[in-house]
Amino acid sequence: MGPLDIIAHRIGDKPFDLEFAVTYRCNLRCVQCDIWRYDQENPNKAMEEMDIGEIGRIFSSYGGFRIVGITGGEPFLRGDLDLIIDAISSSQRRLERLFITTNGQLTDIARGKVKEILEAREASDGKFSLHILISIDGPPEIHDGIRGAVGAYDRARSTLGALSDLRGEFDFSLGTVTVASPFNMDRFDEVLEEVRSLKAEYGLEATFCIWFTGQLYKNERMAREVRMEDFRRALKRRIPDMKAIAKSGSLVSMGRSMFYDLLALWLENPREQVVPCGGASARYFLDPYGNLYPCTIYGAKIGNLRDRSYDLGRMINSEERLRVREAIKAQRCPICCNTCETIPAMMAYPERAIGKWLLSKVPWK
């Protein structure tokens, strides 16, 4: 997105970024996230997931997204994932980047669906870049412990290999995403070495996300069980290492590098946003049942699109959305700094992000 695009989105108060959880079904039992527990305790909720017709109507009602992230649960548990991507790409004519985050447990399905998505993109002369991120939280013992399943690492590694082979036929980005959390921080040297090794072997984009509690992850109870100050101190010490491993020549990597510097600055005062939040303005989060939220963290539901004739544009202009946005501007939301929410905010407010980034470089700040 260029400067004029950013200005247009800000003046119009229209989003350019959406995170869409296509399902809360999950085939792992991660200690850092309770989506799987929510799915287990609400077995009938899967029947309430929006179907492809509903999803198509929502995306047809608003065509301004430049960036879309597909998440879950585990996205590849949706047999119609390729159709969902097609509904998004065909309606979002200015789409630049589409991300799919997966736990990598369904190797054959993932390879088949990614190939179908890429073939459809080429057949339609689609211009968006596809980014596949596979979760890796350390070497086998650490990863399997966090993911709650023996063999989870081996399956994720198999998916990495299978998708890496596809790069001989198609142009797309393949990477790892590692959650820096209280559950692997005490052995983070091993985590970093594993990510570094995989990056070198497969030529990957390495990404580090920061663990937070929030309504997407269904893990608010964990905040009471984690010594947050200890985690934040340990996390700050690890930022230079994460930044060094994640560094590459891509534009996405450059944005993430700036984010890590801003994260270090935020950790000095986590009671205030490091840059103005873009939630319920530049960015939204859509859940599998049509509920629209300002982001993946703040659980202030704006409304359900099934109740609004699937009209996302109408929801964006609603009084409910404005009330949520005012709460965010007043910082009455959970104050966070993670890649999913802060990077879109950096894009929405580049002058503020650059100013804070320069401040992070001042040794006597």
Protein backbone atom coordinates (compact mmCIF):
# COMPACT_ATOMS: atom_id res chain seq x y z
CA MET A 1 0.00 0.00 0.00
CA GLY A 2 1.24 3.43 -0.90
CA PRO A 3 0.91 6.66 1.13
CA LEU A 4 -2.16 7.76 -0.84
CA ASP A 5 -3.88 4.45 -0.12
CA ILE A 6 -3.20 4.86 3.61
CA ILE A 7 -4.57 8.41 3.55
CA ALA A 8 -7.70 7.23 1.75
CA HIS A 9 -8.35 4.48 4.29
CA ARG A 10 -7.78 6.84 7.23
CA ILE A 11 -9.99 9.60 5.86
CA GLY A 12 -12.73 7.13 5.05
CA ASP A 13 -12.20 5.21 8.31
CA LYS A 14 -12.29 2.00 6.25
CA PRO A 15 -10.35 -1.20 6.96
CA PHE A 16 -7.62 -2.63 4.77
CA ASP A 17 -6.78 -5.64 6.96
CA LEU A 18 -8.91 -8.57 8.18
CA GLU A 19 -8.15 -11.64 10.25
CA PHE A 20 -10.67 -14.41 9.59
CA ALA A 21 -10.90 -17.53 11.76
CA VAL A 22 -12.61 -19.94 9.38
CA THR A 23 -13.12 -22.55 12.13
CA TYR A 24 -12.47 -23.07 15.83
CA ARG A 25 -12.07 -26.81 15.30
CA CYS A 26 -8.56 -27.93 16.14
CA ASN A 27 -6.63 -31.20 16.04
CA LEU A 28 -4.07 -30.26 18.71
CA ARG A 29 -4.22 -29.51 22.44
CA CYS A 30 -1.90 -26.54 22.85
CA VAL A 31 -1.03 -25.33 26.34
CA GLN A 32 -0.87 -21.69 25.20
CA CYS A 33 -4.31 -21.56 23.58
CA ASP A 34 -7.72 -22.90 24.56
CA ILE A 35 -9.47 -22.87 21.19
CA TRP A 36 -9.32 -26.68 21.22
CA ARG A 37 -10.94 -26.73 24.67
CA TYR A 38 -13.68 -24.40 23.47
CA ASP A 39 -14.28 -26.71 20.52
CA GLN A 40 -14.30 -29.77 22.78
CA GLU A 41 -16.74 -28.21 25.25
CA ASN A 42 -19.04 -26.93 22.48
CA PRO A 43 -19.18 -29.84 20.00
CA ASN A 44 -22.26 -28.52 18.22
CA LYS A 45 -20.70 -25.14 17.43
CA ALA A 46 -19.06 -26.53 14.28
CA MET A 47 -22.54 -26.79 12.80
CA GLU A 48 -22.90 -23.00 13.24
CA GLU A 49 -19.87 -22.14 11.10
CA MET A 50 -20.69 -19.95 8.15
CA ASP A 51 -20.94 -21.80 4.86
CA ILE A 52 -19.33 -20.68 1.62
CA GLY A 53 -22.47 -18.86 0.50
CA GLU A 54 -22.54 -16.74 3.65
CA ILE A 55 -18.82 -16.04 3.46
CA GLY A 56 -19.16 -14.98 -0.17
CA ARG A 57 -21.95 -12.54 0.68
CA ILE A 58 -19.86 -10.91 3.42
CA PHE A 59 -16.81 -10.37 1.23
CA SER A 60 -18.95 -9.21 -1.69
CA SER A 61 -20.33 -6.45 0.51
CA TYR A 62 -16.96 -4.78 1.02
CA GLY A 63 -14.06 -4.84 -1.43
CA GLY A 64 -11.40 -2.77 0.32
CA PHE A 65 -9.17 -5.37 1.96
CA ARG A 66 -5.50 -5.34 0.95
CA ILE A 67 -4.40 -7.94 3.51
CA VAL A 68 -6.35 -10.97 4.75
CA GLY A 69 -5.16 -13.51 7.30
CA ILE A 70 -6.77 -16.95 7.49
CA THR A 71 -6.52 -18.62 10.88
CA GLY A 72 -8.38 -20.97 13.23
CA GLY A 73 -8.50 -23.38 14.93
CA GLU A 74 -6.87 -25.28 12.12
CA PRO A 75 -7.89 -23.81 8.75
CA PHE A 76 -7.23 -26.99 6.78
CA LEU A 77 -10.00 -28.75 8.72
CA ARG A 78 -12.34 -26.80 6.44
CA GLY A 79 -12.78 -28.91 3.35
CA ASP A 80 -13.90 -25.83 1.42
CA LEU A 81 -10.87 -23.71 2.27
CA ASP A 82 -9.97 -23.33 -1.39
CA LEU A 83 -13.49 -22.03 -2.10
CA ILE A 84 -13.20 -19.57 0.80
CA ILE A 85 -9.95 -18.22 -0.63
CA ASP A 86 -11.57 -17.94 -4.05
CA ALA A 87 -14.51 -15.98 -2.57
CA ILE A 88 -12.05 -13.60 -0.94
CA SER A 89 -9.73 -13.11 -3.90
CA SER A 90 -12.55 -12.69 -6.44
CA SER A 91 -14.24 -9.97 -4.37
CA GLN A 92 -11.12 -8.19 -3.08
CA ARG A 93 -9.69 -6.92 -6.34
CA ARG A 94 -7.00 -4.87 -4.56
CA LEU A 95 -5.88 -7.77 -2.38
CA GLU A 96 -2.10 -7.71 -2.01
CA ARG A 97 -1.27 -10.40 0.55
CA LEU A 98 -3.12 -13.41 1.90
CA PHE A 99 -1.76 -15.35 4.88
CA ILE A 100 -2.74 -18.85 5.99
CA THR A 101 -1.50 -19.97 9.40
CA THR A 102 -1.54 -23.74 10.03
CA ASN A 103 -0.30 -26.18 12.65
CA GLY A 104 0.94 -28.42 9.82
CA GLN A 105 -0.70 -31.63 11.01
CA LEU A 106 -2.57 -32.39 7.77
CA THR A 107 0.28 -32.73 5.29
CA ASP A 108 -1.52 -34.27 2.32
CA ILE A 109 -4.61 -32.08 2.71
CA ALA A 110 -2.52 -28.93 3.08
CA ARG A 111 -0.44 -29.71 0.03
CA GLY A 112 -3.51 -30.45 -2.06
CA LYS A 113 -5.43 -27.36 -0.96
CA VAL A 114 -2.47 -25.01 -1.36
CA LYS A 115 -1.93 -26.35 -4.87
CA GLU A 116 -5.61 -25.79 -5.70
CA ILE A 117 -5.45 -22.24 -4.32
CA LEU A 118 -2.35 -21.43 -6.37
CA GLU A 119 -3.78 -22.98 -9.53
CA ALA A 120 -6.96 -20.94 -9.10
CA ARG A 121 -4.91 -17.78 -8.55
CA GLU A 122 -3.01 -18.36 -11.78
CA ALA A 123 -6.15 -19.22 -13.74
CA SER A 124 -7.81 -15.98 -12.63
CA ASP A 125 -4.66 -13.91 -13.10
CA GLY A 126 -4.77 -13.11 -9.40
CA LYS A 127 -2.17 -10.63 -8.22
CA PHE A 128 -2.07 -11.35 -4.49
CA SER A 129 0.92 -13.00 -2.86
CA LEU A 130 0.23 -16.11 -0.81
CA HIS A 131 2.04 -16.65 2.50
CA ILE A 132 1.82 -19.99 4.31
CA LEU A 133 2.99 -19.97 7.93
CA ILE A 134 3.54 -23.27 9.76
CA SER A 135 3.69 -23.25 13.55
CA ILE A 136 7.01 -24.38 15.02
CA ASP A 137 7.54 -23.77 18.73
CA GLY A 138 10.93 -25.45 19.10
CA PRO A 139 12.63 -28.79 18.56
CA PRO A 140 10.51 -31.98 18.81
CA GLU A 141 10.35 -32.32 22.60
CA ILE A 142 9.47 -28.67 23.21
CA HIS A 143 7.10 -28.41 20.27
CA ASP A 144 5.20 -31.60 21.10
CA GLY A 145 4.92 -30.56 24.74
CA ILE A 146 3.45 -27.19 23.85
CA ARG A 147 1.18 -28.60 21.15
CA GLY A 148 -0.09 -31.40 23.38
CA ALA A 149 0.48 -34.24 20.91
CA VAL A 150 3.29 -36.72 20.35
CA GLY A 151 4.56 -36.47 16.78
CA ALA A 152 3.20 -32.95 16.21
CA TYR A 153 6.68 -31.70 15.30
CA ASP A 154 7.31 -34.50 12.81
CA ARG A 155 3.99 -33.85 11.07
CA ALA A 156 4.66 -30.11 10.89
CA ARG A 157 8.12 -30.82 9.51
CA SER A 158 6.60 -33.14 6.90
CA THR A 159 4.23 -30.37 5.82
CA LEU A 160 7.13 -27.94 5.55
CA GLY A 161 8.85 -30.35 3.19
CA ALA A 162 5.75 -31.03 1.11
CA LEU A 163 4.93 -27.35 0.66
CA SER A 164 8.56 -26.49 0.01
CA ASP A 165 8.47 -28.88 -2.95
CA LEU A 166 5.53 -26.92 -4.39
CA ARG A 167 7.72 -23.85 -4.71
CA GLY A 168 9.28 -25.50 -7.74
CA GLU A 169 5.92 -25.06 -9.52
CA PHE A 170 4.41 -21.95 -7.94
CA ASP A 171 5.43 -18.59 -6.57
CA PHE A 172 4.46 -18.24 -2.91
CA SER A 173 6.08 -17.57 0.45
CA LEU A 174 6.61 -20.34 2.98
CA GLY A 175 7.57 -19.64 6.55
CA THR A 176 7.46 -20.66 10.17
CA VAL A 177 5.64 -18.85 12.93
CA THR A 178 6.90 -19.31 16.48
CA VAL A 179 5.01 -18.10 19.52
CA ALA A 180 7.34 -16.63 22.13
CA SER A 181 5.48 -17.60 25.27
CA PRO A 182 5.89 -18.36 28.97
CA PHE A 183 5.73 -22.03 27.94
CA ASN A 184 8.97 -22.07 25.94
CA MET A 185 10.85 -19.02 27.23
CA ASP A 186 12.97 -21.02 29.70
CA ARG A 187 14.39 -23.04 26.79
CA PHE A 188 14.33 -20.34 24.16
CA ASP A 189 17.94 -20.92 23.10
CA GLU A 190 16.82 -24.31 21.76
CA VAL A 191 13.76 -22.76 20.15
CA LEU A 192 15.84 -20.15 18.36
CA GLU A 193 18.35 -22.71 17.15
CA GLU A 194 15.58 -24.89 15.71
CA VAL A 195 14.01 -21.99 13.83
CA ARG A 196 17.42 -20.90 12.56
CA SER A 197 18.14 -24.41 11.31
CA LEU A 198 14.80 -24.76 9.50
CA LYS A 199 15.19 -21.35 7.91
CA ALA A 200 18.58 -22.33 6.51
CA GLU A 201 17.41 -25.75 5.31
CA TYR A 202 14.24 -24.65 3.52
CA GLY A 203 14.90 -20.98 2.78
CA LEU A 204 11.97 -19.89 4.93
CA GLU A 205 10.62 -16.63 6.25
CA ALA A 206 10.90 -16.94 10.03
CA THR A 207 8.28 -15.14 12.12
CA PHE A 208 7.91 -14.73 15.87
CA CYS A 209 4.58 -13.86 17.47
CA ILE A 210 4.09 -12.86 21.08
CA TRP A 211 1.80 -14.75 23.41
CA PHE A 212 -1.19 -12.80 24.70
CA THR A 213 -4.47 -13.74 26.26
CA GLY A 214 -7.47 -12.76 24.19
CA GLN A 215 -10.92 -13.65 22.95
CA LEU A 216 -9.69 -15.41 19.78
CA TYR A 217 -7.52 -17.77 21.80
CA LYS A 218 -10.16 -18.42 24.48
CA ASN A 219 -7.34 -18.32 27.05
CA GLU A 220 -8.19 -15.40 29.32
CA ARG A 221 -7.95 -17.66 32.37
CA MET A 222 -4.23 -18.15 31.69
CA ALA A 223 -3.48 -14.55 32.65
CA ARG A 224 -4.04 -15.56 36.27
CA GLU A 225 -1.57 -18.43 36.01
CA VAL A 226 1.38 -16.66 34.34
CA ARG A 227 3.91 -14.38 36.01
CA MET A 228 3.61 -11.67 33.38
CA GLU A 229 6.39 -9.43 34.63
CA ASP A 230 8.87 -12.30 34.56
CA PHE A 231 7.76 -13.27 31.06
CA ARG A 232 8.06 -9.71 29.79
CA ARG A 233 11.55 -9.28 31.19
CA ALA A 234 12.71 -12.53 29.61
CA LEU A 235 11.00 -11.63 26.34
CA LYS A 236 12.75 -8.28 26.11
CA ARG A 237 16.15 -9.97 26.44
CA ARG A 238 15.28 -12.24 23.50
CA ILE A 239 14.15 -9.56 21.07
CA PRO A 240 17.58 -9.05 19.42
CA ASP A 241 17.83 -12.80 18.78
CA MET A 242 14.35 -13.01 17.26
CA LYS A 243 15.02 -9.98 15.13
CA ALA A 244 18.30 -11.40 13.82
CA ILE A 245 16.76 -14.75 12.86
CA ALA A 246 13.69 -13.20 11.25
CA LYS A 247 15.75 -10.80 9.14
CA SER A 248 15.54 -11.24 5.37
CA GLY A 249 15.30 -9.03 2.35
CA SER A 250 11.51 -9.08 2.02
CA LEU A 251 9.24 -6.11 2.66
CA VAL A 252 7.25 -8.16 5.17
CA SER A 253 10.45 -8.94 7.08
CA MET A 254 11.38 -5.25 7.19
CA GLY A 255 8.05 -4.42 8.79
CA ARG A 256 8.48 -7.17 11.34
CA SER A 257 11.98 -5.94 12.16
CA MET A 258 10.57 -2.52 13.01
CA PHE A 259 7.85 -4.20 15.04
CA TYR A 260 10.42 -5.97 17.26
CA ASP A 261 12.03 -2.62 18.07
CA LEU A 262 8.63 -1.17 18.96
CA LEU A 263 7.88 -4.23 21.07
CA ALA A 264 11.00 -3.56 23.13
CA LEU A 265 9.82 0.01 23.62
CA TRP A 266 6.32 -1.11 24.60
CA LEU A 267 7.67 -3.56 27.17
CA GLU A 268 9.08 -0.60 29.08
CA ASN A 269 5.53 0.71 29.55
CA PRO A 270 2.93 -1.92 28.64
CA ARG A 271 0.08 0.20 30.00
CA GLU A 272 0.01 2.38 26.86
CA GLN A 273 -0.18 1.62 23.15
CA VAL A 274 3.17 2.07 21.46
CA VAL A 275 1.38 3.32 18.32
CA PRO A 276 -2.31 4.18 17.94
CA CYS A 277 -4.32 0.99 17.63
CA GLY A 278 -6.02 0.31 14.30
CA GLY A 279 -8.68 -2.00 15.74
CA ALA A 280 -12.24 -1.35 14.47
CA SER A 281 -10.79 1.04 11.91
CA ALA A 282 -7.86 -0.24 9.85
CA ARG A 283 -8.38 -3.84 10.94
CA TYR A 284 -11.08 -6.26 12.13
CA PHE A 285 -11.42 -9.85 13.24
CA LEU A 286 -14.18 -12.12 11.91
CA ASP A 287 -14.99 -15.38 13.70
CA PRO A 288 -16.43 -18.59 12.16
CA TYR A 289 -20.01 -17.68 13.11
CA GLY A 290 -20.16 -14.21 11.60
CA ASN A 291 -19.29 -12.23 14.73
CA LEU A 292 -17.21 -9.14 14.02
CA TYR A 293 -14.66 -7.88 16.56
CA PRO A 294 -12.12 -5.06 16.47
CA CYS A 295 -9.18 -7.45 16.78
CA THR A 296 -8.12 -10.87 18.03
CA ILE A 297 -7.58 -9.64 21.61
CA TYR A 298 -10.43 -7.29 22.57
CA GLY A 299 -13.68 -9.17 23.09
CA ALA A 300 -16.02 -6.25 22.40
CA LYS A 301 -18.33 -7.73 19.77
CA ILE A 302 -19.47 -5.19 17.22
CA GLY A 303 -22.25 -7.41 15.94
CA ASN A 304 -23.16 -10.53 14.00
CA LEU A 305 -23.22 -10.25 10.22
CA ARG A 306 -25.98 -12.82 9.94
CA ASP A 307 -28.20 -10.29 11.71
CA ARG A 308 -27.15 -7.53 9.27
CA SER A 309 -27.87 -9.30 5.99
CA TYR A 310 -24.15 -10.15 5.73
CA ASP A 311 -23.44 -6.50 4.94
CA LEU A 312 -19.96 -5.75 6.24
CA GLY A 313 -20.05 -2.21 4.88
CA ARG A 314 -23.19 -1.52 6.89
CA MET A 315 -21.58 -2.94 10.04
CA ILE A 316 -18.51 -0.75 9.55
CA ASN A 317 -20.75 2.32 9.49
CA SER A 318 -22.82 1.25 12.50
CA GLU A 319 -23.16 3.01 15.85
CA GLU A 320 -21.92 -0.17 17.56
CA ARG A 321 -18.68 -0.01 15.62
CA LEU A 322 -18.20 3.65 16.48
CA ARG A 323 -18.66 2.93 20.20
CA VAL A 324 -16.06 0.18 20.12
CA ARG A 325 -13.68 2.39 18.18
CA GLU A 326 -14.03 5.19 20.74
CA ALA A 327 -13.23 2.76 23.54
CA ILE A 328 -10.07 1.71 21.71
CA LYS A 329 -8.99 5.30 21.08
CA ALA A 330 -9.46 5.97 24.80
CA GLN A 331 -7.35 2.83 25.53
CA ARG A 332 -10.13 1.16 27.46
CA CYS A 333 -9.26 -2.09 25.67
CA PRO A 334 -6.57 -4.61 26.66
CA ILE A 335 -3.32 -2.87 25.76
CA CYS A 336 -1.22 -5.15 23.57
CA CYS A 337 1.71 -5.23 21.20
CA ASN A 338 1.78 -8.25 18.93
CA THR A 339 2.47 -8.82 15.26
CA CYS A 340 -1.16 -9.42 14.29
CA GLU A 341 -2.45 -6.13 15.70
CA THR A 342 0.54 -3.78 15.86
CA ILE A 343 1.85 -4.20 12.31
CA PRO A 344 -1.47 -3.11 10.74
CA ALA A 345 -1.44 -0.15 13.16
CA MET A 346 2.08 0.69 12.00
CA MET A 347 0.82 0.67 8.42
CA ALA A 348 -2.18 2.84 9.31
CA TYR A 349 -0.09 5.37 11.23
CA PRO A 350 3.36 5.27 9.57
CA GLU A 351 4.41 8.68 10.85
CA ARG A 352 3.71 7.66 14.45
CA ALA A 353 5.36 4.27 13.98
CA ILE A 354 8.51 5.80 12.49
CA GLY A 355 8.66 8.38 15.27
CA LYS A 356 8.41 5.72 17.98
CA TRP A 357 10.88 3.50 16.10
CA LEU A 358 13.42 6.33 16.04
CA LEU A 359 12.81 6.83 19.77
CA SER A 360 13.57 3.14 20.34
CA LYS A 361 17.04 3.78 18.86
CA VAL A 362 17.90 6.57 21.28
CA PRO A 363 20.13 5.12 24.02
CA TRP A 364 19.14 7.70 26.65
CA LYS A 365 15.36 7.55 26.07
